[in-house]
Amino acid sequence: MKDVQNLKDNRNVDIQKVGINHLDLPLTIQRKNSSNQVVNAVARVTVSLPRDFKGTHMSRFVEVLNEWQHKNLLGIDIKGCLEKIIEYLNAKSGELKFKFNYFIEKAAPVTHMTAQMCYKCSFEGRIYDGLYKFILGVEVPVTTLCPCSKEISDNGAHNQRAYVKVKVSYDEDNQIWIEDLIDLIEQCASCPVYPLLKREDEKFVTEKAWDNPKFVEDVIRDVVVALRNHPDVNEFEVECEAYESIHNHCAWAYQKEVC
């Protein structure tokens, strides 16, 4: 049958990224403790398309992803999948991103009762000019307590749930686990968020936040310092947004650095 995608195009436009988005598929993620977790991932995969070709072959993306979904991914293993996609589609560059919910069994601070905590995560691979870059992304809910509110009030202070989004890039020979990155971020907040709290636990987290008030500026600075000092991080991007409990707006901060 006629291959329409391979027909010549006369508009003289190279397309930087073309491919498929919002493809749901199961992925097997390797956990820090050597066990595996099967997640429902949403994939976006793109390649460059030279000006001479009318279109890319969308089915080939799905073919490769369908094969790769059965492998145990550490994140950096995305390189092999992306290399095959680029080769299969005769492209010069490409990107692959998986977004997924990752569950960690988390114990309450006092009663130690456990429940599953959900974190939004992503694996992203990019190949340009033959160079590969991997990016690990996590979104971590935390508690912040306002230092100003605590300082000016005779009793009480407003606190809120904040979300810290972090993306880090590191070399193929190294490994940063999702669990460790989440732990690093939670240590920079007024207090972590837990999936299950009894009264004793609630007392603990309330008092911990009171003793550790932080603006979004404090949180993001602490995360930046921790990532700067991390031996394996090459570059990072940090975003912190606090959903204010007494204001009709959110507080927000952002930082991006190359180490």
Protein backbone atom coordinates (compact mmCIF):
# COMPACT_ATOMS: atom_id res chain seq x y z
CA MET A 1 0.00 0.00 0.00
CA LYS A 2 1.03 3.58 -0.57
CA ASP A 3 3.10 5.12 2.27
CA VAL A 4 1.64 8.63 2.49
CA GLN A 5 3.90 9.65 5.39
CA ASN A 6 6.99 9.18 3.22
CA LEU A 7 5.72 11.47 0.46
CA LYS A 8 7.77 14.62 -0.10
CA ASP A 9 6.53 17.86 1.44
CA ASN A 10 7.19 21.16 -0.34
CA ARG A 11 6.64 23.68 2.49
CA ASN A 12 10.27 23.63 3.62
CA VAL A 13 9.46 23.31 7.35
CA ASP A 14 11.38 21.06 9.73
CA ILE A 15 9.15 19.96 12.61
CA GLN A 16 10.98 19.97 15.94
CA LYS A 17 8.64 17.57 17.75
CA VAL A 18 5.92 15.31 16.40
CA GLY A 19 4.52 12.13 17.89
CA ILE A 20 1.85 10.84 20.24
CA ASN A 21 0.53 12.08 23.58
CA HIS A 22 -1.78 10.77 26.31
CA LEU A 23 -1.10 7.10 25.63
CA ASP A 24 -2.04 5.02 28.70
CA LEU A 25 0.02 1.92 29.36
CA PRO A 26 1.22 -0.12 32.36
CA LEU A 27 4.85 0.25 33.41
CA THR A 28 6.89 -1.78 35.87
CA ILE A 29 8.95 0.54 38.08
CA GLN A 30 11.85 -0.73 40.17
CA ARG A 31 11.55 0.38 43.77
CA LYS A 32 14.44 1.20 46.09
CA ASN A 33 13.93 -2.02 48.06
CA SER A 34 14.39 -4.11 44.89
CA SER A 35 10.70 -4.96 44.54
CA ASN A 36 8.61 -3.74 41.61
CA GLN A 37 5.51 -1.60 41.32
CA VAL A 38 3.23 -1.69 38.29
CA VAL A 39 1.87 1.78 37.55
CA ASN A 40 -0.55 3.23 35.04
CA ALA A 41 1.59 5.62 33.04
CA VAL A 42 0.64 8.28 30.53
CA ALA A 43 3.21 8.54 27.76
CA ARG A 44 4.23 11.31 25.40
CA VAL A 45 6.84 10.47 22.79
CA THR A 46 8.10 12.68 19.98
CA VAL A 47 10.81 12.79 17.33
CA SER A 48 12.09 15.42 14.94
CA LEU A 49 10.75 15.30 11.40
CA PRO A 50 12.82 16.59 8.44
CA ARG A 51 11.17 19.00 6.03
CA ASP A 52 11.25 16.47 3.19
CA PHE A 53 8.76 14.08 4.81
CA LYS A 54 5.01 14.65 4.95
CA GLY A 55 4.50 12.82 8.24
CA THR A 56 5.87 10.43 10.82
CA HIS A 57 4.68 6.88 11.47
CA MET A 58 2.53 7.09 14.60
CA SER A 59 2.05 3.32 14.91
CA ARG A 60 5.78 2.79 15.33
CA PHE A 61 5.78 4.75 18.57
CA VAL A 62 3.15 2.41 20.00
CA GLU A 63 5.03 -0.67 18.77
CA VAL A 64 8.20 0.26 20.65
CA LEU A 65 6.38 1.40 23.79
CA ASN A 66 4.37 -1.80 23.86
CA GLU A 67 7.61 -3.79 23.82
CA TRP A 68 9.28 -1.62 26.47
CA GLN A 69 6.39 -1.67 28.93
CA HIS A 70 7.40 -5.18 30.02
CA LYS A 71 10.87 -4.10 31.16
CA ASN A 72 11.71 -3.05 34.72
CA LEU A 73 12.43 0.65 34.52
CA LEU A 74 14.84 2.54 36.72
CA GLY A 75 14.22 5.67 34.72
CA ILE A 76 17.61 5.86 33.05
CA ASP A 77 16.64 2.71 31.12
CA ILE A 78 14.44 4.99 29.03
CA LYS A 79 17.55 5.66 26.94
CA GLY A 80 17.33 2.29 25.18
CA CYS A 81 13.65 2.77 24.41
CA LEU A 82 14.23 6.25 23.03
CA GLU A 83 17.22 5.13 20.95
CA LYS A 84 15.09 2.43 19.35
CA ILE A 85 12.30 4.90 18.57
CA ILE A 86 14.75 7.33 16.96
CA GLU A 87 16.31 4.55 14.90
CA TYR A 88 12.95 3.07 13.91
CA LEU A 89 11.67 6.44 12.68
CA ASN A 90 14.98 7.59 11.14
CA ALA A 91 14.95 10.71 13.31
CA LYS A 92 17.83 12.82 14.63
CA SER A 93 16.34 13.63 18.03
CA GLY A 94 13.54 12.52 20.30
CA GLU A 95 11.85 12.84 23.68
CA LEU A 96 9.95 10.37 25.82
CA LYS A 97 8.05 11.17 29.01
CA PHE A 98 6.08 8.91 31.34
CA LYS A 99 3.82 10.46 34.00
CA PHE A 100 2.51 8.14 36.71
CA ASN A 101 1.25 7.88 40.28
CA TYR A 102 3.72 6.17 42.58
CA PHE A 103 2.65 4.68 45.92
CA ILE A 104 4.79 4.44 49.03
CA GLU A 105 3.72 2.80 52.28
CA LYS A 106 4.12 5.54 54.87
CA ALA A 107 4.00 5.23 58.64
CA ALA A 108 2.41 7.79 60.94
CA PRO A 109 4.98 9.57 63.17
CA VAL A 110 3.72 8.35 66.57
CA THR A 111 1.39 5.36 66.18
CA HIS A 112 3.38 4.07 63.18
CA MET A 113 0.15 2.98 61.51
CA THR A 114 0.76 2.66 57.77
CA ALA A 115 -1.18 3.52 54.65
CA GLN A 116 -0.36 4.10 51.01
CA MET A 117 0.75 7.61 50.07
CA CYS A 118 0.42 8.69 46.43
CA TYR A 119 3.00 10.87 44.68
CA LYS A 120 2.86 12.21 41.13
CA CYS A 121 6.08 11.29 39.35
CA SER A 122 7.63 11.36 35.91
CA PHE A 123 10.48 9.81 33.93
CA GLU A 124 11.70 11.83 30.98
CA GLY A 125 14.41 11.09 28.43
CA ARG A 126 15.79 13.36 25.73
CA ILE A 127 18.30 12.71 22.96
CA TYR A 128 19.68 15.65 20.99
CA ASP A 129 22.84 15.59 18.87
CA GLY A 130 23.48 12.07 20.13
CA LEU A 131 23.55 13.18 23.79
CA TYR A 132 21.14 11.64 26.29
CA LYS A 133 19.62 13.39 29.29
CA PHE A 134 17.36 11.77 31.89
CA ILE A 135 15.06 13.80 34.15
CA LEU A 136 13.30 12.46 37.24
CA GLY A 137 10.29 14.43 38.42
CA VAL A 138 8.29 14.26 41.65
CA GLU A 139 5.47 16.30 43.17
CA VAL A 140 5.36 16.17 46.97
CA PRO A 141 2.57 17.53 49.21
CA VAL A 142 3.85 19.11 52.42
CA THR A 143 2.64 21.30 55.28
CA THR A 144 3.80 24.88 55.72
CA LEU A 145 3.08 27.17 58.68
CA CYS A 146 3.34 30.92 58.15
CA PRO A 147 6.17 32.53 60.19
CA CYS A 148 4.54 35.97 59.94
CA SER A 149 1.20 34.69 61.22
CA LYS A 150 2.91 32.97 64.14
CA GLU A 151 4.91 36.10 64.99
CA ILE A 152 2.03 38.59 65.04
CA SER A 153 -0.70 36.43 66.63
CA ASP A 154 -1.23 35.98 70.35
CA ASN A 155 -2.23 32.39 69.71
CA GLY A 156 -2.34 30.22 66.61
CA ALA A 157 -0.99 30.60 63.11
CA HIS A 158 -2.38 29.71 59.71
CA ASN A 159 -0.94 26.75 57.89
CA GLN A 160 -1.64 25.17 54.53
CA ARG A 161 -0.86 22.33 52.23
CA ALA A 162 1.88 23.16 49.76
CA TYR A 163 3.15 21.24 46.75
CA VAL A 164 6.83 21.02 45.92
CA LYS A 165 7.62 19.98 42.35
CA VAL A 166 11.20 18.93 41.67
CA LYS A 167 12.94 17.75 38.50
CA VAL A 168 16.51 16.49 38.67
CA SER A 169 18.93 15.29 36.03
CA TYR A 170 21.81 12.93 36.72
CA ASP A 171 24.34 10.74 34.88
CA GLU A 172 23.56 7.27 33.60
CA ASP A 173 26.10 5.72 35.97
CA ASN A 174 24.29 7.10 39.02
CA GLN A 175 20.89 6.45 40.54
CA ILE A 176 18.58 8.74 42.51
CA TRP A 177 15.62 6.83 43.91
CA ILE A 178 12.13 8.31 43.94
CA GLU A 179 11.88 7.50 47.65
CA ASP A 180 15.08 9.39 48.50
CA LEU A 181 14.11 12.47 46.51
CA ILE A 182 10.73 12.59 48.22
CA ASP A 183 12.37 12.27 51.63
CA LEU A 184 14.78 15.11 50.81
CA ILE A 185 11.88 17.38 49.89
CA GLU A 186 9.76 16.51 52.93
CA GLN A 187 12.63 17.39 55.26
CA CYS A 188 12.58 20.93 53.85
CA ALA A 189 8.95 21.63 54.81
CA SER A 190 7.34 22.62 58.10
CA CYS A 191 6.09 19.05 58.32
CA PRO A 192 5.42 16.13 55.97
CA VAL A 193 1.90 15.13 54.95
CA TYR A 194 0.71 11.66 55.98
CA PRO A 195 -2.06 9.44 54.58
CA LEU A 196 -3.24 8.22 58.01
CA LEU A 197 -3.16 10.09 61.32
CA LYS A 198 -4.63 9.18 64.71
CA ARG A 199 -5.01 11.78 67.47
CA GLU A 200 -1.49 11.23 68.80
CA ASP A 201 -0.10 11.69 65.30
CA GLU A 202 -2.16 14.80 64.64
CA LYS A 203 -0.82 16.37 67.82
CA PHE A 204 2.72 15.58 66.71
CA VAL A 205 2.43 17.05 63.19
CA THR A 206 0.61 20.16 64.43
CA GLU A 207 3.32 20.88 66.99
CA LYS A 208 6.11 20.03 64.55
CA ALA A 209 4.80 22.57 62.05
CA TRP A 210 4.44 25.15 64.84
CA ASP A 211 8.07 24.65 65.80
CA ASN A 212 9.19 24.85 62.16
CA PRO A 213 7.39 27.76 60.44
CA LYS A 214 8.28 28.35 56.78
CA PHE A 215 7.35 30.62 53.90
CA VAL A 216 7.44 29.18 50.39
CA GLU A 217 10.72 31.10 50.10
CA ASP A 218 12.11 29.11 53.03
CA VAL A 219 11.00 25.80 51.57
CA ILE A 220 12.42 26.42 48.12
CA ARG A 221 15.73 27.73 49.50
CA ASP A 222 16.13 24.65 51.68
CA VAL A 223 15.38 22.37 48.71
CA VAL A 224 17.83 24.29 46.52
CA VAL A 225 20.62 23.98 49.11
CA ALA A 226 19.95 20.25 49.52
CA LEU A 227 20.05 19.67 45.75
CA ARG A 228 23.17 21.79 45.33
CA ASN A 229 24.86 19.57 47.88
CA HIS A 230 23.66 16.32 46.34
CA PRO A 231 26.65 14.54 44.78
CA ASP A 232 24.71 13.08 41.83
CA VAL A 233 22.53 16.00 40.71
CA ASN A 234 23.70 17.74 37.51
CA GLU A 235 20.84 20.22 37.23
CA PHE A 236 17.48 20.78 38.86
CA GLU A 237 14.22 22.67 38.72
CA VAL A 238 12.15 23.43 41.84
CA GLU A 239 8.68 24.89 42.22
CA CYS A 240 6.78 25.43 45.46
CA GLU A 241 3.14 26.48 45.65
CA ALA A 242 1.24 26.97 48.91
CA TYR A 243 -2.56 26.92 48.81
CA GLU A 244 -3.13 29.68 51.34
CA SER A 245 -5.78 29.08 53.98
CA ILE A 246 -6.58 32.77 54.72
CA HIS A 247 -5.88 34.37 51.32
CA ASN A 248 -7.69 34.11 48.02
CA HIS A 249 -4.47 33.32 46.21
CA CYS A 250 -1.54 30.90 46.34
CA ALA A 251 2.04 31.71 47.30
CA TRP A 252 4.54 30.54 44.68
CA ALA A 253 8.31 30.30 44.17
CA TYR A 254 10.55 28.85 41.47
CA GLN A 255 14.24 28.13 40.91
CA LYS A 256 16.27 26.40 38.18
CA GLU A 257 20.00 25.72 38.36
CA VAL A 258 22.85 23.81 36.72
CA CYS A 259 25.21 22.34 39.30
